[in-house]
Amino acid sequence: MPIDGGSLATTLASQTPALQPQAHPSPVSAIGFHGQGGTLFGIQIVNLFLIIITLGIYSFWSRVRVRRYMLSQTEFEGDRFAYHGTGRELFNGWLKAMLIFALPLTVLGVLQAWADMESGFYALLQILAYMIAVFFIPIATVNARRYRLSRCSWRGIRFSFRGGVRDFVNIYVKGWLLTLITFGLYYPIWQNRRQSFLLGDSYFGNQRLAFDGRGKDIFLGFVLHLLLTLPTLGLCWVWYGARVQRYFAAHTLFQAARFRSSATGGGILGLWLVNALLFVFTLGLAWSWITVRNARYYLGHLAVVGDFDVTNVTQEAQSATATGEGLSGFLDLNFDLG
């Protein structure tokens, strides 16, 4: 019996399952770190020699050399980052910070030397010195971030930070007071507000990063870890730190893409334990390898998920001085990459 072509096509079409459009997974762009502990050790041992023979003055240039190495070994989308700061900038910033921060504290120290230690005036001077330190922390945080981002680039495009100092001082002082009044319960809300400010006003070229995290999302986890502090001898806070790191990354956006961190509490604890053993058994000589291990772990667990387009990103370099960098050094604030 002859087969009708039209009927055959209709029959085959009816028996073939309809093809459904497939959802394409979001592209994942990993961040890689290629640094070697031996190379960094070579840089740091030369730095140490030069710091000694210059009575410490070379320390500003040594920090620049380490930062340049660490950023030059960090890769994203096939291209390395670059650091453009100079030792002279850091040295000048340190001198200005000396005048801004050290001068009032020196005056208070002289007054304390004259005052009776049992008097109320002595206690007032101590409170004033403490308040000055607390007030300068947010100033140093903002200005150090402004300086360091302005000296970092990727594919020739500079990063920048454009947040206002006054805004962050308000966030910091208010958060500090509310955390004190609520016996620490306000801390996760404050933590989220700081992150929102520091990321929400950060730029890559003319493109602004965004942050949509909410403090209440990490509040219950914070309370849970408070309750677990004694039973776990405080180790639970390593897991809290990893959890917050993953949350902050997931709520950081660049265009339509989000960051993703896969760091875990167990992974970080293992990293710290091995680092501690390396430090103790080498009497600190393994510090370069520890620095590289940290960078490999944290950057190796960070990725950007989703679509973004950097072809339209244009340069919008912002000026920044290194005074905040000098202040952060006085206050021992850890913002460094290496």
Protein backbone atom coordinates (compact mmCIF):
# COMPACT_ATOMS: atom_id res chain seq x y z
CA MET A 1 0.00 0.00 0.00
CA PRO A 2 1.46 3.33 -0.97
CA ILE A 3 2.44 5.58 1.94
CA ASP A 4 1.26 9.12 1.85
CA GLY A 5 4.15 11.50 2.69
CA GLY A 6 1.92 13.98 4.47
CA SER A 7 0.36 11.31 6.68
CA LEU A 8 3.78 9.86 7.57
CA ALA A 9 5.10 13.26 8.62
CA THR A 10 1.98 13.88 10.71
CA THR A 11 2.31 10.47 12.39
CA LEU A 12 6.02 10.94 13.19
CA ALA A 13 5.37 14.41 14.53
CA SER A 14 2.64 13.11 16.83
CA GLN A 15 4.91 10.33 18.17
CA THR A 16 7.97 12.54 18.72
CA PRO A 17 8.05 14.27 22.11
CA ALA A 18 7.96 18.01 21.82
CA LEU A 19 11.37 19.60 22.31
CA GLN A 20 11.32 21.87 25.35
CA PRO A 21 13.57 24.93 25.47
CA GLN A 22 16.47 24.13 27.78
CA ALA A 23 17.48 26.54 30.50
CA HIS A 24 21.13 27.44 30.11
CA PRO A 25 23.12 27.48 33.35
CA SER A 26 24.52 30.83 34.36
CA PRO A 27 28.17 31.28 33.34
CA VAL A 28 30.65 30.98 36.19
CA SER A 29 33.85 33.05 36.15
CA ALA A 30 36.33 31.80 38.72
CA ILE A 31 39.00 33.92 40.38
CA GLY A 32 42.42 32.32 40.48
CA PHE A 33 45.60 32.98 42.42
CA HIS A 34 48.96 31.82 41.03
CA GLY A 35 51.39 33.14 43.62
CA GLN A 36 54.18 31.00 45.05
CA GLY A 37 55.36 31.06 48.64
CA GLY A 38 59.01 30.83 47.56
CA THR A 39 58.76 33.87 45.31
CA LEU A 40 57.01 35.91 47.99
CA PHE A 41 59.61 34.81 50.52
CA GLY A 42 62.35 36.14 48.21
CA ILE A 43 60.57 39.50 48.04
CA GLN A 44 60.02 39.66 51.78
CA ILE A 45 63.56 38.66 52.75
CA VAL A 46 64.97 41.48 50.59
CA ASN A 47 62.37 43.80 52.11
CA LEU A 48 63.48 42.81 55.60
CA PHE A 49 67.13 43.52 54.81
CA LEU A 50 66.30 46.95 53.35
CA ILE A 51 64.00 47.79 56.29
CA ILE A 52 66.81 47.03 58.72
CA ILE A 53 69.49 49.08 56.98
CA THR A 54 67.09 52.04 56.49
CA LEU A 55 65.90 51.89 60.13
CA GLY A 56 62.34 51.06 59.09
CA ILE A 57 61.82 53.73 56.43
CA TYR A 58 61.77 51.16 53.61
CA SER A 59 58.70 49.48 55.17
CA PHE A 60 56.41 51.67 53.03
CA TRP A 61 58.09 50.55 49.82
CA SER A 62 58.15 46.94 51.02
CA ARG A 63 54.37 46.93 51.43
CA VAL A 64 54.00 48.19 47.87
CA ARG A 65 56.24 45.41 46.53
CA VAL A 66 54.15 42.74 48.30
CA ARG A 67 50.87 44.23 47.11
CA ARG A 68 52.11 44.41 43.52
CA TYR A 69 53.13 40.77 43.63
CA MET A 70 49.89 39.56 45.22
CA LEU A 71 47.66 41.43 42.78
CA SER A 72 49.77 40.50 39.77
CA GLN A 73 49.19 36.85 40.66
CA THR A 74 45.40 37.24 40.90
CA GLU A 75 43.58 36.35 37.70
CA PHE A 76 40.03 36.86 36.50
CA GLU A 77 38.75 36.01 33.04
CA GLY A 78 42.29 35.40 31.81
CA ASP A 79 43.71 38.77 32.91
CA ARG A 80 45.71 39.73 35.98
CA PHE A 81 45.06 42.60 38.38
CA ALA A 82 47.61 45.36 38.89
CA TYR A 83 48.60 47.62 41.78
CA HIS A 84 49.74 51.19 41.06
CA GLY A 85 50.48 52.59 44.53
CA THR A 86 53.96 53.82 45.44
CA GLY A 87 56.07 53.76 48.58
CA ARG A 88 56.38 57.53 48.47
CA GLU A 89 52.58 57.91 48.66
CA LEU A 90 52.44 55.64 51.69
CA PHE A 91 55.28 57.49 53.38
CA ASN A 92 53.66 60.90 52.82
CA GLY A 93 50.32 59.54 54.03
CA TRP A 94 51.97 58.23 57.16
CA LEU A 95 53.51 61.65 57.89
CA LYS A 96 50.11 63.37 57.55
CA ALA A 97 48.46 60.73 59.74
CA MET A 98 51.13 61.35 62.37
CA LEU A 99 50.05 65.01 62.57
CA ILE A 100 46.32 64.22 62.57
CA PHE A 101 46.25 61.29 64.94
CA ALA A 102 49.44 61.28 66.99
CA LEU A 103 49.38 64.99 67.90
CA PRO A 104 46.10 65.01 69.92
CA LEU A 105 47.04 61.74 71.59
CA THR A 106 50.45 63.13 72.52
CA VAL A 107 48.81 66.21 74.09
CA LEU A 108 46.46 63.96 76.07
CA GLY A 109 49.42 61.80 77.14
CA VAL A 110 51.30 64.88 78.44
CA LEU A 111 48.20 66.03 80.37
CA GLN A 112 47.79 62.53 81.82
CA ALA A 113 51.40 62.60 83.02
CA TRP A 114 50.64 65.77 85.00
CA ALA A 115 47.24 64.67 86.32
CA ASP A 116 46.64 62.63 89.44
CA MET A 117 45.90 59.01 88.41
CA GLU A 118 43.13 58.80 91.02
CA SER A 119 41.41 62.00 89.87
CA GLY A 120 38.34 62.35 87.71
CA PHE A 121 40.35 64.53 85.31
CA TYR A 122 42.70 61.60 84.60
CA ALA A 123 39.73 59.32 83.89
CA LEU A 124 38.27 61.99 81.59
CA LEU A 125 41.52 62.17 79.63
CA GLN A 126 41.51 58.41 79.22
CA ILE A 127 37.93 58.47 77.93
CA LEU A 128 38.87 61.26 75.49
CA ALA A 129 41.82 59.26 74.18
CA TYR A 130 39.57 56.25 73.68
CA MET A 131 36.91 58.34 71.92
CA ILE A 132 39.53 59.80 69.55
CA ALA A 133 40.65 56.30 68.61
CA VAL A 134 37.04 55.16 68.03
CA PHE A 135 36.30 58.28 65.96
CA PHE A 136 39.33 57.79 63.72
CA ILE A 137 38.62 54.12 62.93
CA PRO A 138 35.77 54.86 60.46
CA ILE A 139 37.75 57.75 58.95
CA ALA A 140 40.74 55.48 58.42
CA THR A 141 38.51 52.70 57.05
CA VAL A 142 36.93 54.89 54.37
CA ASN A 143 40.09 56.69 53.30
CA ALA A 144 42.22 53.54 53.24
CA ARG A 145 39.61 51.83 51.07
CA ARG A 146 39.39 54.89 48.80
CA TYR A 147 43.17 54.91 48.36
CA ARG A 148 43.66 51.18 47.82
CA LEU A 149 40.83 50.76 45.31
CA SER A 150 42.04 53.80 43.37
CA ARG A 151 45.43 52.09 42.99
CA CYS A 152 44.04 48.75 41.75
CA SER A 153 43.13 47.98 38.16
CA TRP A 154 42.01 45.14 35.93
CA ARG A 155 42.40 45.33 32.14
CA GLY A 156 43.69 48.85 32.62
CA ILE A 157 40.47 50.06 34.30
CA ARG A 158 40.83 51.45 37.81
CA PHE A 159 38.57 50.65 40.76
CA SER A 160 37.34 53.40 43.04
CA PHE A 161 35.38 54.06 46.21
CA ARG A 162 33.13 57.13 46.40
CA GLY A 163 31.40 56.80 49.76
CA GLY A 164 31.42 59.82 52.10
CA VAL A 165 33.38 59.80 55.35
CA ARG A 166 30.55 61.48 57.30
CA ASP A 167 28.07 58.77 56.25
CA PHE A 168 30.36 55.99 57.45
CA VAL A 169 31.15 57.80 60.71
CA ASN A 170 27.38 57.92 61.39
CA ILE A 171 27.01 54.22 60.60
CA TYR A 172 30.02 53.30 62.68
CA VAL A 173 29.32 55.39 65.78
CA LYS A 174 25.59 54.56 65.80
CA GLY A 175 26.32 50.85 65.28
CA TRP A 176 28.99 50.85 67.98
CA LEU A 177 26.62 52.47 70.52
CA LEU A 178 23.63 50.24 69.66
CA THR A 179 25.82 47.13 69.84
CA LEU A 180 26.96 48.26 73.29
CA ILE A 181 23.41 49.03 74.50
CA THR A 182 21.95 45.73 73.18
CA PHE A 183 24.81 43.65 74.61
CA GLY A 184 26.00 42.70 71.13
CA LEU A 185 22.67 41.76 69.55
CA TYR A 186 22.80 44.69 67.11
CA TYR A 187 26.19 43.55 65.80
CA PRO A 188 24.96 41.55 62.72
CA ILE A 189 22.75 44.48 61.66
CA TRP A 190 25.76 46.81 62.01
CA GLN A 191 27.97 44.31 60.19
CA ASN A 192 25.55 44.24 57.25
CA ARG A 193 25.23 48.05 57.15
CA ARG A 194 29.01 48.44 57.01
CA GLN A 195 29.23 45.93 54.18
CA SER A 196 26.41 47.64 52.30
CA PHE A 197 28.16 51.01 52.56
CA LEU A 198 31.63 49.77 51.63
CA LEU A 199 30.44 47.72 48.64
CA GLY A 200 27.54 49.85 47.47
CA ASP A 201 29.82 52.83 46.82
CA SER A 202 32.58 50.83 45.12
CA TYR A 203 33.08 51.11 41.38
CA PHE A 204 34.90 49.37 38.57
CA GLY A 205 35.50 52.16 36.08
CA ASN A 206 32.10 53.81 35.65
CA GLN A 207 30.17 50.71 36.77
CA ARG A 208 28.92 50.58 40.33
CA LEU A 209 28.78 47.44 42.42
CA ALA A 210 25.60 46.78 44.39
CA PHE A 211 24.78 45.03 47.64
CA ASP A 212 21.28 43.82 48.60
CA GLY A 213 21.96 41.94 51.82
CA ARG A 214 19.78 42.47 54.90
CA GLY A 215 20.92 42.37 58.49
CA LYS A 216 17.92 40.36 59.64
CA ASP A 217 18.99 37.49 57.35
CA ILE A 218 22.11 36.88 59.43
CA PHE A 219 20.62 37.86 62.80
CA LEU A 220 19.23 34.42 63.75
CA GLY A 221 22.49 32.74 62.75
CA PHE A 222 24.35 35.21 64.97
CA VAL A 223 22.07 34.43 67.95
CA LEU A 224 22.46 30.69 67.35
CA HIS A 225 26.24 31.00 67.37
CA LEU A 226 26.05 33.07 70.55
CA LEU A 227 24.26 30.14 72.22
CA LEU A 228 26.82 27.67 70.84
CA THR A 229 29.84 29.67 72.00
CA LEU A 230 30.35 27.86 75.32
CA PRO A 231 29.56 24.30 74.13
CA THR A 232 31.95 24.67 71.18
CA LEU A 233 34.58 26.70 73.07
CA GLY A 234 34.10 29.50 70.57
CA LEU A 235 34.95 27.41 67.48
CA CYS A 236 31.42 27.91 66.13
CA TRP A 237 32.40 31.49 65.19
CA VAL A 238 34.61 30.13 62.43
CA TRP A 239 31.47 28.68 60.86
CA TYR A 240 29.62 31.96 61.44
CA GLY A 241 32.40 33.85 59.65
CA ALA A 242 32.22 31.46 56.67
CA ARG A 243 28.44 31.76 56.60
CA VAL A 244 28.55 35.56 56.58
CA GLN A 245 31.24 35.48 53.90
CA ARG A 246 29.03 33.33 51.66
CA TYR A 247 26.00 35.54 52.37
CA PHE A 248 27.83 38.78 51.61
CA ALA A 249 29.26 37.35 48.40
CA ALA A 250 25.84 36.09 47.25
CA HIS A 251 24.37 39.56 47.76
CA THR A 252 27.11 41.46 45.95
CA LEU A 253 26.27 42.27 42.35
CA PHE A 254 28.10 43.57 39.33
CA GLN A 255 25.58 44.27 36.58
CA ALA A 256 23.47 41.04 36.33
CA ALA A 257 26.12 38.83 37.94
CA ARG A 258 26.48 37.88 41.57
CA PHE A 259 29.53 36.81 43.48
CA ARG A 260 29.64 33.36 45.04
CA SER A 261 31.81 32.11 47.87
CA SER A 262 32.12 28.41 48.65
CA ALA A 263 34.29 28.86 51.75
CA THR A 264 33.22 26.62 54.64
CA GLY A 265 33.83 26.66 58.37
CA GLY A 266 35.66 23.34 58.20
CA GLY A 267 37.82 24.54 55.32
CA ILE A 268 38.78 27.77 57.09
CA LEU A 269 39.49 25.98 60.37
CA GLY A 270 41.73 23.47 58.56
CA LEU A 271 43.52 26.35 56.80
CA TRP A 272 44.15 28.14 60.11
CA LEU A 273 45.35 24.99 61.89
CA VAL A 274 47.91 24.18 59.19
CA ASN A 275 48.97 27.83 59.08
CA ALA A 276 49.49 27.81 62.86
CA LEU A 277 51.62 24.66 62.64
CA LEU A 278 53.70 26.14 59.82
CA PHE A 279 54.23 29.33 61.79
CA VAL A 280 55.22 27.58 65.02
CA PHE A 281 57.53 24.92 63.57
CA THR A 282 59.35 27.37 61.28
CA LEU A 283 59.51 30.12 63.92
CA GLY A 284 57.61 32.43 61.61
CA LEU A 285 59.78 31.88 58.52
CA ALA A 286 56.81 30.31 56.69
CA TRP A 287 54.85 33.57 56.81
CA SER A 288 55.14 33.99 53.02
CA TRP A 289 53.68 30.53 52.42
CA ILE A 290 50.90 31.26 54.92
CA THR A 291 50.02 34.45 53.05
CA VAL A 292 49.90 32.56 49.75
CA ARG A 293 47.84 29.75 51.28
CA ASN A 294 45.28 32.27 52.57
CA ALA A 295 45.03 33.99 49.18
CA ARG A 296 44.64 30.67 47.36
CA TYR A 297 41.91 29.51 49.68
CA TYR A 298 39.78 32.66 49.83
CA LEU A 299 40.21 33.67 46.18
CA GLY A 300 39.96 30.05 45.00
CA HIS A 301 36.54 29.79 46.65
CA LEU A 302 35.27 33.02 45.07
CA ALA A 303 33.56 33.27 41.70
CA VAL A 304 31.24 35.52 39.71
CA VAL A 305 28.04 33.85 38.53
CA GLY A 306 25.92 35.33 35.77
CA ASP A 307 26.25 37.61 32.78
CA PHE A 308 28.26 40.81 32.78
CA ASP A 309 29.75 42.91 30.04
CA VAL A 310 32.93 44.92 30.57
CA THR A 311 33.26 46.15 27.00
CA ASN A 312 31.29 49.31 27.84
CA VAL A 313 33.11 49.99 31.10
CA THR A 314 35.05 53.23 30.85
CA GLN A 315 37.72 54.73 33.03
CA GLU A 316 36.59 57.08 35.81
CA ALA A 317 39.64 57.35 38.00
CA GLN A 318 39.14 59.12 41.32
CA SER A 319 41.81 60.96 43.25
CA ALA A 320 42.73 59.68 46.70
CA THR A 321 45.50 60.37 49.18
CA ALA A 322 47.28 57.82 51.35
CA THR A 323 46.51 59.61 54.64
CA GLY A 324 43.78 57.10 55.52
CA GLU A 325 46.28 54.37 54.76
CA GLY A 326 48.61 55.89 57.34
CA LEU A 327 45.78 56.15 59.88
CA SER A 328 44.83 52.51 59.37
CA GLY A 329 48.44 51.59 60.04
CA PHE A 330 48.36 53.46 63.36
CA LEU A 331 45.10 51.82 64.37
CA ASP A 332 46.24 48.37 63.21
CA LEU A 333 43.25 47.96 60.89
CA ASN A 334 43.60 45.01 58.59
CA PHE A 335 42.50 45.92 55.08
CA ASP A 336 45.51 44.56 53.27
CA LEU A 337 45.72 42.07 50.47
CA GLY A 338 49.08 40.76 51.38
